[in-house]
PDB file of N, CA and C in Angstrom:
ATOM      1  N   UNK A   1      72.517 -34.686  22.512  1.00  0.00           N
ATOM      2  CA  UNK A   1      71.337 -34.074  23.083  1.00  0.00           C
ATOM      3  C   UNK A   1      70.621 -35.142  23.916  1.00  0.00           C
ATOM      4  N   UNK A   2      70.233 -34.811  25.123  1.00  0.00           N
ATOM      5  CA  UNK A   2      69.548 -35.796  25.959  1.00  0.00           C
ATOM      6  C   UNK A   2      68.229 -36.252  25.327  1.00  0.00           C
ATOM      7  N   UNK A   3      67.932 -37.517  25.454  1.00  0.00           N
ATOM      8  CA  UNK A   3      66.703 -38.138  24.978  1.00  0.00           C
ATOM      9  C   UNK A   3      66.507 -38.011  23.469  1.00  0.00           C
ATOM     10  N   UNK A   4      67.595 -37.881  22.720  1.00  0.00           N
ATOM     11  CA  UNK A   4      67.491 -37.773  21.263  1.00  0.00           C
ATOM     12  C   UNK A   4      66.927 -39.069  20.709  1.00  0.00           C
ATOM     13  N   UNK A   5      66.181 -39.076  19.671  1.00  0.00           N
ATOM     14  CA  UNK A   5      65.677 -37.977  18.848  1.00  0.00           C
ATOM     15  C   UNK A   5      64.358 -37.398  19.351  1.00  0.00           C
ATOM     16  N   UNK A   6      63.843 -37.930  20.454  1.00  0.00           N
ATOM     17  CA  UNK A   6      62.528 -37.493  20.920  1.00  0.00           C
ATOM     18  C   UNK A   6      62.527 -36.048  21.399  1.00  0.00           C
ATOM     19  N   UNK A   7      63.617 -35.592  21.962  1.00  0.00           N
ATOM     20  CA  UNK A   7      63.662 -34.211  22.435  1.00  0.00           C
ATOM     21  C   UNK A   7      63.629 -33.230  21.266  1.00  0.00           C
ATOM     22  N   UNK A   8      64.212 -33.600  20.141  1.00  0.00           N
ATOM     23  CA  UNK A   8      64.151 -32.743  18.957  1.00  0.00           C
ATOM     24  C   UNK A   8      62.731 -32.612  18.425  1.00  0.00           C
ATOM     25  N   UNK A   9      62.021 -33.745  18.389  1.00  0.00           N
ATOM     26  CA  UNK A   9      60.626 -33.716  17.938  1.00  0.00           C
ATOM     27  C   UNK A   9      59.744 -32.936  18.901  1.00  0.00           C
ATOM     28  N   UNK A  10      60.000 -33.079  20.193  1.00  0.00           N
ATOM     29  CA  UNK A  10      59.227 -32.318  21.179  1.00  0.00           C
ATOM     30  C   UNK A  10      59.474 -30.820  21.029  1.00  0.00           C
ATOM     31  N   UNK A  11      60.704 -30.444  20.743  1.00  0.00           N
ATOM     32  CA  UNK A  11      61.028 -29.031  20.540  1.00  0.00           C
ATOM     33  C   UNK A  11      60.322 -28.479  19.315  1.00  0.00           C
ATOM     34  N   UNK A  12      60.331 -29.235  18.218  1.00  0.00           N
ATOM     35  CA  UNK A  12      59.634 -28.790  17.005  1.00  0.00           C
ATOM     36  C   UNK A  12      58.126 -28.698  17.229  1.00  0.00           C
ATOM     37  N   UNK A  13      57.565 -29.632  17.986  1.00  0.00           N
ATOM     38  CA  UNK A  13      56.144 -29.577  18.300  1.00  0.00           C
ATOM     39  C   UNK A  13      55.800 -28.358  19.139  1.00  0.00           C
ATOM     40  N   UNK A  14      56.644 -28.048  20.110  1.00  0.00           N
ATOM     41  CA  UNK A  14      56.414 -26.870  20.939  1.00  0.00           C
ATOM     42  C   UNK A  14      56.490 -25.598  20.097  1.00  0.00           C
ATOM     43  N   UNK A  15      57.459 -25.516  19.197  1.00  0.00           N
ATOM     44  CA  UNK A  15      57.576 -24.353  18.319  1.00  0.00           C
ATOM     45  C   UNK A  15      56.342 -24.210  17.439  1.00  0.00           C
ATOM     46  N   UNK A  16      55.847 -25.310  16.893  1.00  0.00           N
ATOM     47  CA  UNK A  16      54.632 -25.268  16.068  1.00  0.00           C
ATOM     48  C   UNK A  16      53.433 -24.807  16.893  1.00  0.00           C
ATOM     49  N   UNK A  17      53.342 -25.259  18.147  1.00  0.00           N
ATOM     50  CA  UNK A  17      52.255 -24.834  19.021  1.00  0.00           C
ATOM     51  C   UNK A  17      52.312 -23.327  19.290  1.00  0.00           C
ATOM     52  N   UNK A  18      53.496 -22.820  19.546  1.00  0.00           N
ATOM     53  CA  UNK A  18      53.653 -21.386  19.807  1.00  0.00           C
ATOM     54  C   UNK A  18      53.271 -20.563  18.581  1.00  0.00           C
ATOM     55  N   UNK A  19      53.712 -21.002  17.409  1.00  0.00           N
ATOM     56  CA  UNK A  19      53.381 -20.266  16.181  1.00  0.00           C
ATOM     57  C   UNK A  19      51.878 -20.318  15.916  1.00  0.00           C
ATOM     58  N   UNK A  20      51.262 -21.470  16.137  1.00  0.00           N
ATOM     59  CA  UNK A  20      49.813 -21.582  15.931  1.00  0.00           C
ATOM     60  C   UNK A  20      49.046 -20.697  16.912  1.00  0.00           C
ATOM     61  N   UNK A  21      49.471 -20.647  18.156  1.00  0.00           N
ATOM     62  CA  UNK A  21      48.782 -19.810  19.138  1.00  0.00           C
ATOM     63  C   UNK A  21      48.977 -18.325  18.873  1.00  0.00           C
ATOM     64  N   UNK A  22      50.053 -17.968  18.193  1.00  0.00           N
ATOM     65  CA  UNK A  22      50.263 -16.562  17.833  1.00  0.00           C
ATOM     66  C   UNK A  22      49.153 -16.074  16.916  1.00  0.00           C
ATOM     67  N   UNK A  23      48.620 -16.950  16.085  1.00  0.00           N
ATOM     68  CA  UNK A  23      47.545 -16.566  15.180  1.00  0.00           C
ATOM     69  C   UNK A  23      46.247 -16.231  15.880  1.00  0.00           C
ATOM     70  N   UNK A  24      46.045 -16.739  17.093  1.00  0.00           N
ATOM     71  CA  UNK A  24      44.825 -16.489  17.843  1.00  0.00           C
ATOM     72  C   UNK A  24      44.952 -15.318  18.812  1.00  0.00           C
ATOM     73  N   UNK A  25      46.124 -14.721  18.899  1.00  0.00           N
ATOM     74  CA  UNK A  25      46.341 -13.609  19.823  1.00  0.00           C
ATOM     75  C   UNK A  25      46.020 -12.285  19.153  1.00  0.00           C
ATOM     76  N   UNK A  26      45.934 -11.255  19.965  1.00  0.00           N
ATOM     77  CA  UNK A  26      45.751  -9.897  19.451  1.00  0.00           C
ATOM     78  C   UNK A  26      47.040  -9.119  19.669  1.00  0.00           C
ATOM     79  N   UNK A  27      47.197  -8.060  18.913  1.00  0.00           N
ATOM     80  CA  UNK A  27      48.337  -7.178  19.126  1.00  0.00           C
ATOM     81  C   UNK A  27      49.575  -7.605  18.361  1.00  0.00           C
ATOM     82  N   UNK A  28      50.708  -7.503  19.037  1.00  0.00           N
ATOM     83  CA  UNK A  28      52.000  -7.723  18.392  1.00  0.00           C
ATOM     84  C   UNK A  28      52.161  -9.160  17.908  1.00  0.00           C
ATOM     85  N   UNK A  29      51.564 -10.113  18.626  1.00  0.00           N
ATOM     86  CA  UNK A  29      51.684 -11.506  18.200  1.00  0.00           C
ATOM     87  C   UNK A  29      51.001 -11.737  16.860  1.00  0.00           C
ATOM     88  N   UNK A  30      49.874 -11.087  16.654  1.00  0.00           N
ATOM     89  CA  UNK A  30      49.151 -11.233  15.383  1.00  0.00           C
ATOM     90  C   UNK A  30      49.969 -10.635  14.237  1.00  0.00           C
ATOM     91  N   UNK A  31      50.619  -9.503  14.481  1.00  0.00           N
ATOM     92  CA  UNK A  31      51.461  -8.886  13.455  1.00  0.00           C
ATOM     93  C   UNK A  31      52.635  -9.794  13.123  1.00  0.00           C
ATOM     94  N   UNK A  32      53.262 -10.360  14.139  1.00  0.00           N
ATOM     95  CA  UNK A  32      54.381 -11.269  13.916  1.00  0.00           C
ATOM     96  C   UNK A  32      53.928 -12.506  13.146  1.00  0.00           C
ATOM     97  N   UNK A  33      52.763 -13.050  13.487  1.00  0.00           N
ATOM     98  CA  UNK A  33      52.246 -14.229  12.805  1.00  0.00           C
ATOM     99  C   UNK A  33      51.943 -13.916  11.347  1.00  0.00           C
ATOM    100  N   UNK A  34      51.382 -12.742  11.086  1.00  0.00           N
ATOM    101  CA  UNK A  34      51.046 -12.358   9.715  1.00  0.00           C
ATOM    102  C   UNK A  34      52.280 -12.097   8.865  1.00  0.00           C
ATOM    103  N   UNK A  35      53.387 -11.742   9.483  1.00  0.00           N
ATOM    104  CA  UNK A  35      54.590 -11.434   8.718  1.00  0.00           C
ATOM    105  C   UNK A  35      55.453 -12.669   8.440  1.00  0.00           C
ATOM    106  N   UNK A  36      55.092 -13.826   8.950  1.00  0.00           N
ATOM    107  CA  UNK A  36      55.889 -15.039   8.728  1.00  0.00           C
ATOM    108  C   UNK A  36      56.037 -15.369   7.242  1.00  0.00           C
ATOM    109  N   UNK A  37      54.968 -15.347   6.414  1.00  0.00           N
ATOM    110  CA  UNK A  37      55.165 -15.639   4.989  1.00  0.00           C
ATOM    111  C   UNK A  37      56.100 -14.648   4.293  1.00  0.00           C
ATOM    112  N   UNK A  38      56.002 -13.385   4.654  1.00  0.00           N
ATOM    113  CA  UNK A  38      56.886 -12.375   4.058  1.00  0.00           C
ATOM    114  C   UNK A  38      58.334 -12.653   4.446  1.00  0.00           C
ATOM    115  N   UNK A  39      58.567 -12.959   5.704  1.00  0.00           N
ATOM    116  CA  UNK A  39      59.917 -13.258   6.155  1.00  0.00           C
ATOM    117  C   UNK A  39      60.463 -14.520   5.485  1.00  0.00           C
ATOM    118  N   UNK A  40      59.613 -15.506   5.257  1.00  0.00           N
ATOM    119  CA  UNK A  40      60.050 -16.732   4.588  1.00  0.00           C
ATOM    120  C   UNK A  40      60.495 -16.451   3.161  1.00  0.00           C
ATOM    121  N   UNK A  41      59.755 -15.592   2.464  1.00  0.00           N
ATOM    122  CA  UNK A  41      60.133 -15.238   1.088  1.00  0.00           C
ATOM    123  C   UNK A  41      61.446 -14.464   1.084  1.00  0.00           C
ATOM    124  N   UNK A  42      61.607 -13.518   1.990  1.00  0.00           N
ATOM    125  CA  UNK A  42      62.848 -12.738   2.071  1.00  0.00           C
ATOM    126  C   UNK A  42      64.036 -13.647   2.360  1.00  0.00           C
ATOM    127  N   UNK A  43      63.879 -14.591   3.284  1.00  0.00           N
ATOM    128  CA  UNK A  43      64.965 -15.520   3.587  1.00  0.00           C
ATOM    129  C   UNK A  43      65.297 -16.418   2.407  1.00  0.00           C
ATOM    130  N   UNK A  44      64.280 -16.891   1.687  1.00  0.00           N
ATOM    131  CA  UNK A  44      64.522 -17.755   0.525  1.00  0.00           C
ATOM    132  C   UNK A  44      65.266 -17.003  -0.580  1.00  0.00           C
ATOM    133  N   UNK A  45      64.853 -15.777  -0.857  1.00  0.00           N
ATOM    134  CA  UNK A  45      65.529 -14.971  -1.884  1.00  0.00           C
ATOM    135  C   UNK A  45      66.951 -14.652  -1.450  1.00  0.00           C
ATOM    136  N   UNK A  46      67.131 -14.303  -0.204  1.00  0.00           N
ATOM    137  CA  UNK A  46      68.474 -14.018   0.293  1.00  0.00           C
ATOM    138  C   UNK A  46      69.378 -15.234   0.231  1.00  0.00           C
ATOM    139  N   UNK A  47      68.835 -16.404   0.554  1.00  0.00           N
ATOM    140  CA  UNK A  47      69.621 -17.643   0.492  1.00  0.00           C
ATOM    141  C   UNK A  47      70.067 -17.931  -0.941  1.00  0.00           C
ATOM    142  N   UNK A  48      69.165 -17.752  -1.887  1.00  0.00           N
ATOM    143  CA  UNK A  48      69.541 -17.970  -3.301  1.00  0.00           C
ATOM    144  C   UNK A  48      70.608 -16.969  -3.740  1.00  0.00           C
ATOM    145  N   UNK A  49      70.500 -15.734  -3.284  1.00  0.00           N
ATOM    146  CA  UNK A  49      71.492 -14.716  -3.635  1.00  0.00           C
ATOM    147  C   UNK A  49      72.862 -15.082  -3.068  1.00  0.00           C
ATOM    148  N   UNK A  50      72.905 -15.515  -1.827  1.00  0.00           N
ATOM    149  CA  UNK A  50      74.170 -15.887  -1.197  1.00  0.00           C
ATOM    150  C   UNK A  50      74.762 -17.115  -1.875  1.00  0.00           C
ATOM    151  N   UNK A  51      73.941 -18.099  -2.181  1.00  0.00           N
ATOM    152  CA  UNK A  51      74.446 -19.310  -2.824  1.00  0.00           C
ATOM    153  C   UNK A  51      74.968 -19.009  -4.229  1.00  0.00           C
ATOM    154  N   UNK A  52      74.320 -18.101  -4.933  1.00  0.00           N
ATOM    155  CA  UNK A  52      74.777 -17.745  -6.280  1.00  0.00           C
ATOM    156  C   UNK A  52      76.127 -17.032  -6.201  1.00  0.00           C
ATOM    157  N   UNK A  53      76.297 -16.135  -5.236  1.00  0.00           N
ATOM    158  CA  UNK A  53      77.579 -15.426  -5.062  1.00  0.00           C
ATOM    159  C   UNK A  53      78.677 -16.389  -4.667  1.00  0.00           C
ATOM    160  N   UNK A  54      78.335 -17.428  -3.930  1.00  0.00           N
ATOM    161  CA  UNK A  54      79.310 -18.385  -3.446  1.00  0.00           C
ATOM    162  C   UNK A  54      79.887 -19.208  -4.598  1.00  0.00           C
ATOM    163  N   UNK A  55      79.097 -19.490  -5.635  1.00  0.00           N
ATOM    164  CA  UNK A  55      79.531 -20.318  -6.754  1.00  0.00           C
ATOM    165  C   UNK A  55      80.407 -19.590  -7.753  1.00  0.00           C
ATOM    166  N   UNK A  56      80.263 -18.258  -7.867  1.00  0.00           N
ATOM    167  CA  UNK A  56      81.033 -17.530  -8.856  1.00  0.00           C
ATOM    168  C   UNK A  56      82.498 -17.408  -8.394  1.00  0.00           C
ATOM    169  N   UNK A  57      83.437 -17.707  -9.290  1.00  0.00           N
ATOM    170  CA  UNK A  57      84.852 -17.618  -8.899  1.00  0.00           C
ATOM    171  C   UNK A  57      85.291 -16.166  -8.716  1.00  0.00           C
ATOM    172  N   UNK A  58      86.200 -15.967  -7.804  1.00  0.00           N
ATOM    173  CA  UNK A  58      86.722 -14.625  -7.553  1.00  0.00           C
ATOM    174  C   UNK A  58      87.739 -14.254  -8.632  1.00  0.00           C
ATOM    175  N   UNK A  59      87.787 -12.987  -8.960  1.00  0.00           N
ATOM    176  CA  UNK A  59      88.803 -12.521  -9.897  1.00  0.00           C
ATOM    177  C   UNK A  59      88.190 -12.205 -11.193  1.00  0.00           C
TER     178      UNK A  59
END
């Protein structure tokens, strides 16, 4: 990646800025911002479910 590792940090900073600005918007952006915690919980539970299935032997 060009300018690594600084470009990675700049990308993460830009993403954080976009997410923070979503909280100050009206309409669909506010709904998306409010649903982030719910989506995080769903992803965490799904990840644990997939990892648990991966460990069990087949047969």
